[in-house]
C-alpha atoms as a PDB file:
ATOM      1  CA  MET A   1     -58.334  -5.480  23.110  1.00  0.00           C
ATOM      2  CA  ASN A   2     -55.673  -8.196  22.916  1.00  0.00           C
ATOM      3  CA  ILE A   3     -54.971  -7.313  19.286  1.00  0.00           C
ATOM      4  CA  ASN A   4     -54.528  -3.651  20.110  1.00  0.00           C
ATOM      5  CA  ARG A   5     -52.215  -4.556  22.988  1.00  0.00           C
ATOM      6  CA  LYS A   6     -50.076  -6.739  20.701  1.00  0.00           C
ATOM      7  CA  VAL A   7     -49.878  -3.994  18.088  1.00  0.00           C
ATOM      8  CA  SER A   8     -48.837  -1.475  20.743  1.00  0.00           C
ATOM      9  CA  THR A   9     -46.156  -3.839  22.024  1.00  0.00           C
ATOM     10  CA  ILE A  10     -44.793  -4.421  18.538  1.00  0.00           C
ATOM     11  CA  LEU A  11     -44.715  -0.690  17.814  1.00  0.00           C
ATOM     12  CA  LEU A  12     -42.922  -0.058  21.111  1.00  0.00           C
ATOM     13  CA  LEU A  13     -40.287  -2.699  20.288  1.00  0.00           C
ATOM     14  CA  ILE A  14     -39.790  -1.149  16.849  1.00  0.00           C
ATOM     15  CA  VAL A  15     -39.297   2.288  18.382  1.00  0.00           C
ATOM     16  CA  ILE A  16     -36.796   0.916  20.932  1.00  0.00           C
ATOM     17  CA  ALA A  17     -34.884  -0.941  18.230  1.00  0.00           C
ATOM     18  CA  ALA A  18     -34.780   2.150  16.018  1.00  0.00           C
ATOM     19  CA  ALA A  19     -33.570   4.267  18.931  1.00  0.00           C
ATOM     20  CA  CYS A  20     -30.800   1.770  19.704  1.00  0.00           C
ATOM     21  CA  LEU A  21     -29.678   1.679  16.071  1.00  0.00           C
ATOM     22  CA  GLY A  22     -29.747   5.456  15.919  1.00  0.00           C
ATOM     23  CA  TYR A  23     -27.666   5.702  19.067  1.00  0.00           C
ATOM     24  CA  MET A  24     -25.094   3.221  17.771  1.00  0.00           C
ATOM     25  CA  PHE A  25     -24.899   5.042  14.438  1.00  0.00           C
ATOM     26  CA  ILE A  26     -24.359   8.432  16.068  1.00  0.00           C
ATOM     27  CA  LYS A  27     -21.787   6.920  18.412  1.00  0.00           C
ATOM     28  CA  SER A  28     -19.947   5.349  15.477  1.00  0.00           C
ATOM     29  CA  LEU A  29     -19.563   8.759  13.843  1.00  0.00           C
ATOM     30  CA  THR A  30     -17.409   9.812  16.784  1.00  0.00           C
ATOM     31  CA  ALA A  31     -15.550   6.514  17.081  1.00  0.00           C
ATOM     32  CA  ALA A  32     -12.247   6.658  18.897  1.00  0.00           C
ATOM     33  CA  THR A  33      -9.085   6.685  16.798  1.00  0.00           C
ATOM     34  CA  SER A  34      -5.578   5.473  17.575  1.00  0.00           C
ATOM     35  CA  ASN A  35      -2.329   6.255  15.781  1.00  0.00           C
ATOM     36  CA  LYS A  36       1.135   4.776  15.575  1.00  0.00           C
ATOM     37  CA  SER A  37       4.241   6.240  13.916  1.00  0.00           C
ATOM     38  CA  TYR A  38       7.595   4.726  12.996  1.00  0.00           C
ATOM     39  CA  THR A  39      10.681   6.027  11.204  1.00  0.00           C
ATOM     40  CA  ALA A  40      13.516   4.013   9.670  1.00  0.00           C
ATOM     41  CA  THR A  41      16.564   4.988   7.622  1.00  0.00           C
ATOM     42  CA  ASP A  42      18.378   3.483   4.637  1.00  0.00           C
ATOM     43  CA  ILE A  43      15.560   1.083   3.766  1.00  0.00           C
ATOM     44  CA  GLN A  44      16.068  -1.036   0.642  1.00  0.00           C
ATOM     45  CA  ASN A  45      13.266  -3.568   1.041  1.00  0.00           C
ATOM     46  CA  ILE A  46       9.641  -3.091   2.077  1.00  0.00           C
ATOM     47  CA  GLN A  47       7.322  -5.926   3.103  1.00  0.00           C
ATOM     48  CA  VAL A  48       3.693  -5.263   4.052  1.00  0.00           C
ATOM     49  CA  ASP A  49       1.430  -8.188   4.959  1.00  0.00           C
ATOM     50  CA  VAL A  50      -1.939  -7.272   6.476  1.00  0.00           C
ATOM     51  CA  GLU A  51      -5.394  -8.801   6.794  1.00  0.00           C
ATOM     52  CA  ASN A  52      -7.925  -5.973   7.069  1.00  0.00           C
ATOM     53  CA  ALA A  53      -6.057  -2.797   6.250  1.00  0.00           C
ATOM     54  CA  LYS A  54      -5.833  -0.370   3.369  1.00  0.00           C
ATOM     55  CA  VAL A  55      -2.237   0.227   2.328  1.00  0.00           C
ATOM     56  CA  HIS A  56      -0.912   3.491   0.885  1.00  0.00           C
ATOM     57  CA  ILE A  57       2.746   3.703  -0.228  1.00  0.00           C
ATOM     58  CA  GLU A  58       4.383   6.655  -1.916  1.00  0.00           C
ATOM     59  CA  SER A  59       7.903   7.831  -2.649  1.00  0.00           C
ATOM     60  CA  VAL A  60       8.862  11.491  -2.412  1.00  0.00           C
ATOM     61  CA  GLU A  61      12.063  13.481  -2.690  1.00  0.00           C
ATOM     62  CA  GLY A  62      13.401  14.675   0.651  1.00  0.00           C
ATOM     63  CA  ARG A  63      16.515  15.877   2.437  1.00  0.00           C
ATOM     64  CA  GLU A  64      17.503  12.444   3.704  1.00  0.00           C
ATOM     65  CA  ASN A  65      16.892   8.780   2.965  1.00  0.00           C
ATOM     66  CA  LYS A  66      14.244   7.760   5.452  1.00  0.00           C
ATOM     67  CA  THR A  67      10.961   5.879   5.499  1.00  0.00           C
ATOM     68  CA  GLU A  68       8.054   6.982   7.659  1.00  0.00           C
ATOM     69  CA  VAL A  69       5.133   4.761   8.608  1.00  0.00           C
ATOM     70  CA  GLU A  70       1.859   5.915  10.108  1.00  0.00           C
ATOM     71  CA  VAL A  71      -0.974   3.644  11.184  1.00  0.00           C
ATOM     72  CA  VAL A  72      -4.432   5.160  11.646  1.00  0.00           C
ATOM     73  CA  ALA A  73      -7.121   2.964  13.233  1.00  0.00           C
ATOM     74  CA  LYS A  74     -10.746   3.782  13.921  1.00  0.00           C
ATOM     75  CA  GLY A  75     -13.695   1.990  15.507  1.00  0.00           C
ATOM     76  CA  LYS A  76     -13.193  -1.710  16.101  1.00  0.00           C
ATOM     77  CA  TYR A  77      -9.534  -1.543  15.015  1.00  0.00           C
ATOM     78  CA  ASP A  78      -6.527  -0.405  17.005  1.00  0.00           C
ATOM     79  CA  SER A  79      -3.120   0.731  15.784  1.00  0.00           C
ATOM     80  CA  SER A  80      -1.481  -1.809  18.125  1.00  0.00           C
ATOM     81  CA  GLN A  81      -2.752  -4.523  15.771  1.00  0.00           C
ATOM     82  CA  ILE A  82      -0.042  -3.498  13.295  1.00  0.00           C
ATOM     83  CA  SER A  83       3.579  -4.369  14.068  1.00  0.00           C
ATOM     84  CA  ILE A  84       6.440  -2.427  12.458  1.00  0.00           C
ATOM     85  CA  ASP A  85      10.087  -3.464  12.504  1.00  0.00           C
ATOM     86  CA  SER A  86      13.251  -2.758  10.538  1.00  0.00           C
ATOM     87  CA  ASN A  87      16.457  -4.748  10.291  1.00  0.00           C
ATOM     88  CA  ASN A  88      19.210  -5.181   7.701  1.00  0.00           C
ATOM     89  CA  ASN A  89      17.807  -2.375   5.517  1.00  0.00           C
ATOM     90  CA  SER A  90      14.381  -4.059   5.447  1.00  0.00           C
ATOM     91  CA  LEU A  91      11.090  -2.656   6.715  1.00  0.00           C
ATOM     92  CA  VAL A  92       8.513  -5.259   7.769  1.00  0.00           C
ATOM     93  CA  ILE A  93       4.893  -4.336   8.513  1.00  0.00           C
ATOM     94  CA  LYS A  94       2.472  -7.041   9.653  1.00  0.00           C
ATOM     95  CA  GLN A  95      -0.966  -7.312  11.173  1.00  0.00           C
ATOM     96  CA  THR A  96      -0.618  -9.248  14.408  1.00  0.00           C
ATOM     97  CA  GLY A  97      -3.952  -8.495  16.090  1.00  0.00           C
ATOM     98  CA  PHE A  98      -7.576  -8.610  15.014  1.00  0.00           C
ATOM     99  CA  HIS A  99     -10.793  -6.900  16.042  1.00  0.00           C
ATOM    100  CA  LYS A 100     -13.323  -8.497  18.362  1.00  0.00           C
ATOM    101  CA  PRO A 101     -15.978 -10.592  16.592  1.00  0.00           C
ATOM    102  CA  LEU A 102     -18.838  -8.646  18.236  1.00  0.00           C
ATOM    103  CA  ASN A 103     -18.841  -5.092  17.000  1.00  0.00           C
ATOM    104  CA  PHE A 104     -21.640  -2.538  16.801  1.00  0.00           C
ATOM    105  CA  ASN A 105     -19.611   0.271  15.279  1.00  0.00           C
ATOM    106  CA  PHE A 106     -20.333   1.424  11.715  1.00  0.00           C
ATOM    107  CA  ASN A 107     -17.259   3.613  11.332  1.00  0.00           C
ATOM    108  CA  ASN A 108     -14.351   1.175  11.184  1.00  0.00           C
ATOM    109  CA  SER A 109     -11.105   1.618   9.290  1.00  0.00           C
ATOM    110  CA  LEU A 110      -7.477   0.572   9.444  1.00  0.00           C
ATOM    111  CA  ASP A 111      -4.984   2.400   7.217  1.00  0.00           C
ATOM    112  CA  VAL A 112      -1.241   1.932   6.818  1.00  0.00           C
ATOM    113  CA  TYR A 113       0.648   4.848   5.260  1.00  0.00           C
ATOM    114  CA  VAL A 114       4.252   4.399   4.128  1.00  0.00           C
ATOM    115  CA  LYS A 115       6.219   7.388   2.855  1.00  0.00           C
ATOM    116  CA  VAL A 116       9.630   6.694   1.340  1.00  0.00           C
ATOM    117  CA  GLN A 117      11.825   9.800   1.243  1.00  0.00           C
ATOM    118  CA  THR A 118      14.943   9.793  -0.919  1.00  0.00           C
ATOM    119  CA  THR A 119      17.601  12.398  -1.632  1.00  0.00           C
ATOM    120  CA  GLY A 120      17.836  11.353  -5.262  1.00  0.00           C
ATOM    121  CA  THR A 121      21.330   9.861  -4.994  1.00  0.00           C
ATOM    122  CA  GLU A 122      20.030   6.322  -4.311  1.00  0.00           C
ATOM    123  CA  PRO A 123      16.338   6.498  -5.158  1.00  0.00           C
ATOM    124  CA  ARG A 124      15.745   2.857  -6.092  1.00  0.00           C
ATOM    125  CA  LEU A 125      14.568   0.230  -3.627  1.00  0.00           C
ATOM    126  CA  ASP A 126      15.453  -3.388  -4.157  1.00  0.00           C
ATOM    127  CA  GLN A 127      12.212  -5.245  -3.345  1.00  0.00           C
ATOM    128  CA  THR A 128       8.713  -4.054  -2.502  1.00  0.00           C
ATOM    129  CA  PHE A 129       6.096  -6.608  -1.439  1.00  0.00           C
ATOM    130  CA  VAL A 130       2.560  -5.605  -0.452  1.00  0.00           C
ATOM    131  CA  SER A 131      -0.261  -7.977   0.475  1.00  0.00           C
ATOM    132  CA  SER A 132      -3.707  -7.233   1.902  1.00  0.00           C
ATOM    133  CA  GLN A 133      -6.421  -9.836   2.213  1.00  0.00           C
ATOM    134  CA  ASN A 134      -9.227  -7.336   2.627  1.00  0.00           C
ATOM    135  CA  GLY A 135      -8.265  -3.828   1.653  1.00  0.00           C
ATOM    136  CA  LYS A 136      -7.337  -1.501  -1.187  1.00  0.00           C
ATOM    137  CA  ILE A 137      -3.669  -1.087  -2.124  1.00  0.00           C
ATOM    138  CA  VAL A 138      -2.297   2.176  -3.534  1.00  0.00           C
ATOM    139  CA  VAL A 139       1.353   2.634  -4.556  1.00  0.00           C
ATOM    140  CA  GLU A 140       2.566   5.871  -6.137  1.00  0.00           C
ATOM    141  CA  HIS A 141       5.840   7.335  -7.471  1.00  0.00           C
ATOM    142  CA  MET A 142       7.776   4.169  -6.629  1.00  0.00           C
ATOM    143  CA  ASN A 143      11.123   3.100  -8.092  1.00  0.00           C
ATOM    144  CA  SER A 144      11.948  -0.464  -7.050  1.00  0.00           C
ATOM    145  CA  ARG A 145      13.790  -3.260  -8.802  1.00  0.00           C
ATOM    146  CA  ALA A 146      11.030  -5.770  -8.035  1.00  0.00           C
ATOM    147  CA  ILE A 147       7.453  -5.024  -6.989  1.00  0.00           C
ATOM    148  CA  VAL A 148       4.840  -7.609  -5.982  1.00  0.00           C
ATOM    149  CA  VAL A 149       1.309  -6.533  -5.021  1.00  0.00           C
ATOM    150  CA  GLN A 150      -1.430  -8.964  -3.930  1.00  0.00           C
ATOM    151  CA  SER A 151      -5.002  -8.319  -2.800  1.00  0.00           C
ATOM    152  CA  GLU A 152      -7.608 -10.930  -1.932  1.00  0.00           C
ATOM    153  CA  ASN A 153     -10.559  -8.542  -1.736  1.00  0.00           C
ATOM    154  CA  GLY A 154      -9.738  -5.035  -2.842  1.00  0.00           C
ATOM    155  CA  ALA A 155      -8.624  -2.900  -5.741  1.00  0.00           C
ATOM    156  CA  ILE A 156      -4.989  -2.390  -6.729  1.00  0.00           C
ATOM    157  CA  ASN A 157      -3.937   1.063  -7.931  1.00  0.00           C
ATOM    158  CA  LEU A 158      -0.340   1.750  -8.989  1.00  0.00           C
ATOM    159  CA  LYS A 159       0.760   5.059 -10.476  1.00  0.00           C
ATOM    160  CA  GLU A 160       4.109   6.298 -11.794  1.00  0.00           C
ATOM    161  CA  ILE A 161       5.992   3.073 -11.173  1.00  0.00           C
ATOM    162  CA  THR A 162       9.487   2.190 -12.406  1.00  0.00           C
ATOM    163  CA  SER A 163      10.722  -1.380 -11.945  1.00  0.00           C
ATOM    164  CA  ASP A 164      12.508  -4.249 -13.626  1.00  0.00           C
ATOM    165  CA  GLU A 165       9.805  -6.702 -12.555  1.00  0.00           C
ATOM    166  CA  LEU A 166       6.217  -5.873 -11.609  1.00  0.00           C
ATOM    167  CA  SER A 167       3.513  -8.316 -10.509  1.00  0.00           C
ATOM    168  CA  ALA A 168      -0.090  -7.503  -9.490  1.00  0.00           C
ATOM    169  CA  HIS A 169      -2.652 -10.146  -8.459  1.00  0.00           C
ATOM    170  CA  SER A 170      -6.206  -9.484  -7.287  1.00  0.00           C
ATOM    171  CA  THR A 171      -8.650 -12.253  -6.399  1.00  0.00           C
ATOM    172  CA  SER A 172     -11.662  -9.916  -6.256  1.00  0.00           C
ATOM    173  CA  GLY A 173     -11.027  -6.371  -7.394  1.00  0.00           C
ATOM    174  CA  ALA A 174      -9.872  -4.263 -10.304  1.00  0.00           C
ATOM    175  CA  ILE A 175      -6.235  -3.702 -11.213  1.00  0.00           C
ATOM    176  CA  ARG A 176      -5.332  -0.243 -12.487  1.00  0.00           C
ATOM    177  CA  LEU A 177      -1.758   0.685 -13.391  1.00  0.00           C
ATOM    178  CA  GLU A 178      -0.826   4.114 -14.752  1.00  0.00           C
ATOM    179  CA  GLU A 179       2.431   5.540 -16.123  1.00  0.00           C
ATOM    180  CA  ILE A 180       4.279   2.254 -15.819  1.00  0.00           C
ATOM    181  CA  ILE A 181       7.887   1.567 -16.821  1.00  0.00           C
ATOM    182  CA  THR A 182       8.870  -2.073 -16.428  1.00  0.00           C
ATOM    183  CA  ALA A 183      10.713  -4.714 -18.428  1.00  0.00           C
ATOM    184  CA  LYS A 184       8.600  -7.576 -17.085  1.00  0.00           C
ATOM    185  CA  LEU A 185       4.921  -7.330 -16.142  1.00  0.00           C
ATOM    186  CA  GLU A 186       2.518  -9.957 -14.835  1.00  0.00           C
ATOM    187  CA  THR A 187      -1.085  -9.255 -13.829  1.00  0.00           C
ATOM    188  CA  LYS A 188      -3.829 -11.645 -12.792  1.00  0.00           C
ATOM    189  CA  ALA A 189      -7.379 -10.638 -11.907  1.00  0.00           C
ATOM    190  CA  ASP A 190      -9.555 -13.582 -10.929  1.00  0.00           C
ATOM    191  CA  ASN A 191     -12.702 -11.460 -10.715  1.00  0.00           C
ATOM    192  CA  GLY A 192     -12.117  -7.982 -12.049  1.00  0.00           C
ATOM    193  CA  SER A 193     -10.775  -5.904 -14.897  1.00  0.00           C
ATOM    194  CA  SER A 194      -7.174  -4.897 -15.612  1.00  0.00           C
ATOM    195  CA  HIS A 195      -6.326  -1.492 -17.082  1.00  0.00           C
ATOM    196  CA  ILE A 196      -2.655  -0.722 -17.739  1.00  0.00           C
ATOM    197  CA  VAL A 197      -1.264   2.527 -19.132  1.00  0.00           C
ATOM    198  CA  PHE A 198       2.456   2.471 -19.899  1.00  0.00           C
ATOM    199  CA  SER A 199       4.744   5.484 -19.774  1.00  0.00           C
ATOM    200  CA  ASP A 200       5.961   7.040 -23.007  1.00  0.00           C
ATOM    201  CA  LYS A 201       9.473   6.248 -21.747  1.00  0.00           C
ATOM    202  CA  LEU A 202       8.875   2.497 -21.988  1.00  0.00           C
ATOM    203  CA  GLU A 203      11.698   0.895 -23.991  1.00  0.00           C
ATOM    204  CA  LYS A 204      11.209  -2.861 -23.626  1.00  0.00           C
ATOM    205  CA  LEU A 205       8.441  -5.108 -22.354  1.00  0.00           C
ATOM    206  CA  ASN A 206       7.627  -8.726 -21.655  1.00  0.00           C
ATOM    207  CA  ALA A 207       4.056  -8.786 -20.322  1.00  0.00           C
ATOM    208  CA  SER A 208       1.482 -11.402 -19.400  1.00  0.00           C
ATOM    209  CA  SER A 209      -2.070 -10.688 -18.189  1.00  0.00           C
ATOM    210  CA  THR A 210      -4.876 -13.122 -17.371  1.00  0.00           C
ATOM    211  CA  SER A 211      -8.426 -12.712 -16.094  1.00  0.00           C
ATOM    212  CA  SER A 212     -11.092 -15.262 -15.222  1.00  0.00           C
ATOM    213  CA  SER A 213     -13.923 -12.735 -15.407  1.00  0.00           C
ATOM    214  CA  GLY A 214     -13.009  -9.283 -16.628  1.00  0.00           C
ATOM    215  CA  SER A 215     -11.541  -7.202 -19.400  1.00  0.00           C
ATOM    216  CA  ILE A 216      -7.847  -6.538 -20.029  1.00  0.00           C
ATOM    217  CA  ALA A 217      -6.727  -3.294 -21.639  1.00  0.00           C
ATOM    218  CA  TYR A 218      -3.207  -2.072 -22.429  1.00  0.00           C
ATOM    219  CA  ILE A 219      -2.528   1.484 -23.563  1.00  0.00           C
ATOM    220  CA  LEU A 220       0.886   2.481 -24.919  1.00  0.00           C
ATOM    221  CA  GLN A 221       2.136   6.027 -25.425  1.00  0.00           C
ATOM    222  CA  ASN A 222       5.004   5.366 -27.825  1.00  0.00           C
ATOM    223  CA  ASP A 223       5.688   3.386 -30.986  1.00  0.00           C
ATOM    224  CA  ILE A 224       7.651   0.354 -29.788  1.00  0.00           C
ATOM    225  CA  ALA A 225       6.990  -2.778 -31.844  1.00  0.00           C
ATOM    226  CA  LEU A 226       5.033  -5.567 -30.135  1.00  0.00           C
ATOM    227  CA  ASP A 227       4.624  -9.300 -30.597  1.00  0.00           C
ATOM    228  CA  LEU A 228       1.009  -9.943 -29.554  1.00  0.00           C
ATOM    229  CA  LYS A 229      -0.540 -13.250 -28.481  1.00  0.00           C
ATOM    230  CA  TRP A 230      -4.025 -13.722 -27.025  1.00  0.00           C
ATOM    231  CA  LYS A 231      -6.655 -16.261 -26.107  1.00  0.00           C
ATOM    232  CA  GLY A 232     -10.250 -15.070 -25.862  1.00  0.00           C
ATOM    233  CA  LYS A 233     -12.213 -12.072 -27.147  1.00  0.00           C
ATOM    234  CA  TRP A 234      -9.783  -9.785 -28.958  1.00  0.00           C
ATOM    235  CA  ASP A 235     -10.836  -6.189 -29.618  1.00  0.00           C
ATOM    236  CA  SER A 236      -7.824  -4.355 -31.017  1.00  0.00           C
ATOM    237  CA  ASN A 237      -6.649  -3.143 -34.432  1.00  0.00           C
ATOM    238  CA  LEU A 238      -2.991  -2.936 -33.426  1.00  0.00           C
ATOM    239  CA  LYS A 239      -0.800  -5.047 -35.687  1.00  0.00           C
ATOM    240  CA  SER A 240       1.508  -7.659 -34.227  1.00  0.00           C
ATOM    241  CA  ASP A 241       5.194  -7.850 -35.136  1.00  0.00           C
ATOM    242  CA  ASP A 242       6.344 -11.446 -34.684  1.00  0.00           C
ATOM    243  CA  THR A 243      10.001 -10.398 -34.898  1.00  0.00           C
ATOM    244  CA  SER A 244       9.787  -7.927 -31.994  1.00  0.00           C
ATOM    245  CA  PRO A 245      11.501  -8.816 -28.701  1.00  0.00           C
ATOM    246  CA  ASN A 246       8.681  -6.992 -26.880  1.00  0.00           C
ATOM    247  CA  LYS A 247       6.027  -9.598 -26.151  1.00  0.00           C
ATOM    248  CA  ILE A 248       2.503  -9.342 -24.764  1.00  0.00           C
ATOM    249  CA  VAL A 249       0.396 -12.395 -23.888  1.00  0.00           C
ATOM    250  CA  MET A 250      -3.246 -12.035 -22.807  1.00  0.00           C
ATOM    251  CA  GLU A 251      -5.933 -14.507 -21.789  1.00  0.00           C
ATOM    252  CA  SER A 252      -9.456 -13.871 -20.503  1.00  0.00           C
ATOM    253  CA  ASP A 253     -12.287 -16.369 -20.092  1.00  0.00           C
ATOM    254  CA  SER A 254     -15.138 -13.884 -20.543  1.00  0.00           C
ATOM    255  CA  GLY A 255     -13.809 -10.351 -20.991  1.00  0.00           C
ATOM    256  CA  ASN A 256     -12.589  -8.322 -23.938  1.00  0.00           C
ATOM    257  CA  MET A 257      -8.861  -7.812 -24.454  1.00  0.00           C
ATOM    258  CA  SER A 258      -7.169  -4.932 -26.253  1.00  0.00           C
ATOM    259  CA  VAL A 259      -3.831  -3.259 -26.886  1.00  0.00           C
ATOM    260  CA  ASN A 260      -3.962   0.298 -28.239  1.00  0.00           C
ATOM    261  CA  ARG A 261      -1.786   3.344 -28.623  1.00  0.00           C
ATOM    262  CA  LYS A 262      -2.744   6.668 -27.117  1.00  0.00           C
END
């Protein structure tokens, strides 16, 4: 009798626990959202420094030079945790608040969207700096003299980028760059692969890529000569031209490295 009573009690506790988890899961699907919007004009510098947010930045052609920011928070996050300010042609976005340590919501997200509209007369920004300690970073269609992107725990995706200097560093996450035009490139992936596709309009290049644990792959779409240097597992048939001013240096502790033409 005692054994049956214990079994019944255990089964009852399991049913209650399952019901509670089911309730919390269903509730999380309809988690409350909060939004924040901000508009600035004549921005030349963008600085984004967040802890737990995904960052999306894109440049589009518009009727006026303005930059729009939208913050979308869900679940344990709130849009008030992101501060937005502009001064002296600079836009600064920071995470100033954090979620509560006790959270039973499964549907949590914090996204920062930045849309840079230009008329085409002055399309180039001066400096763009983006850092997220725990979130994916996506930058598209951006023309900026200097671009620095850093992620502690998240992928970095850049597409259709034009810059004089471009730097991407990921501690734990892949780096993927597509249609890139830059004179100076530096990538570092401590724990992840790096895949870089250059634009066919690339004219000159001084690039350096390192990885502690991951592959490094460059793909070029034109015939510029290259001076290639590497340290590690090399898997490329492309010939190096030691007299070329275009230099590529690669180093990976455990991943394959390659430079190829498309």
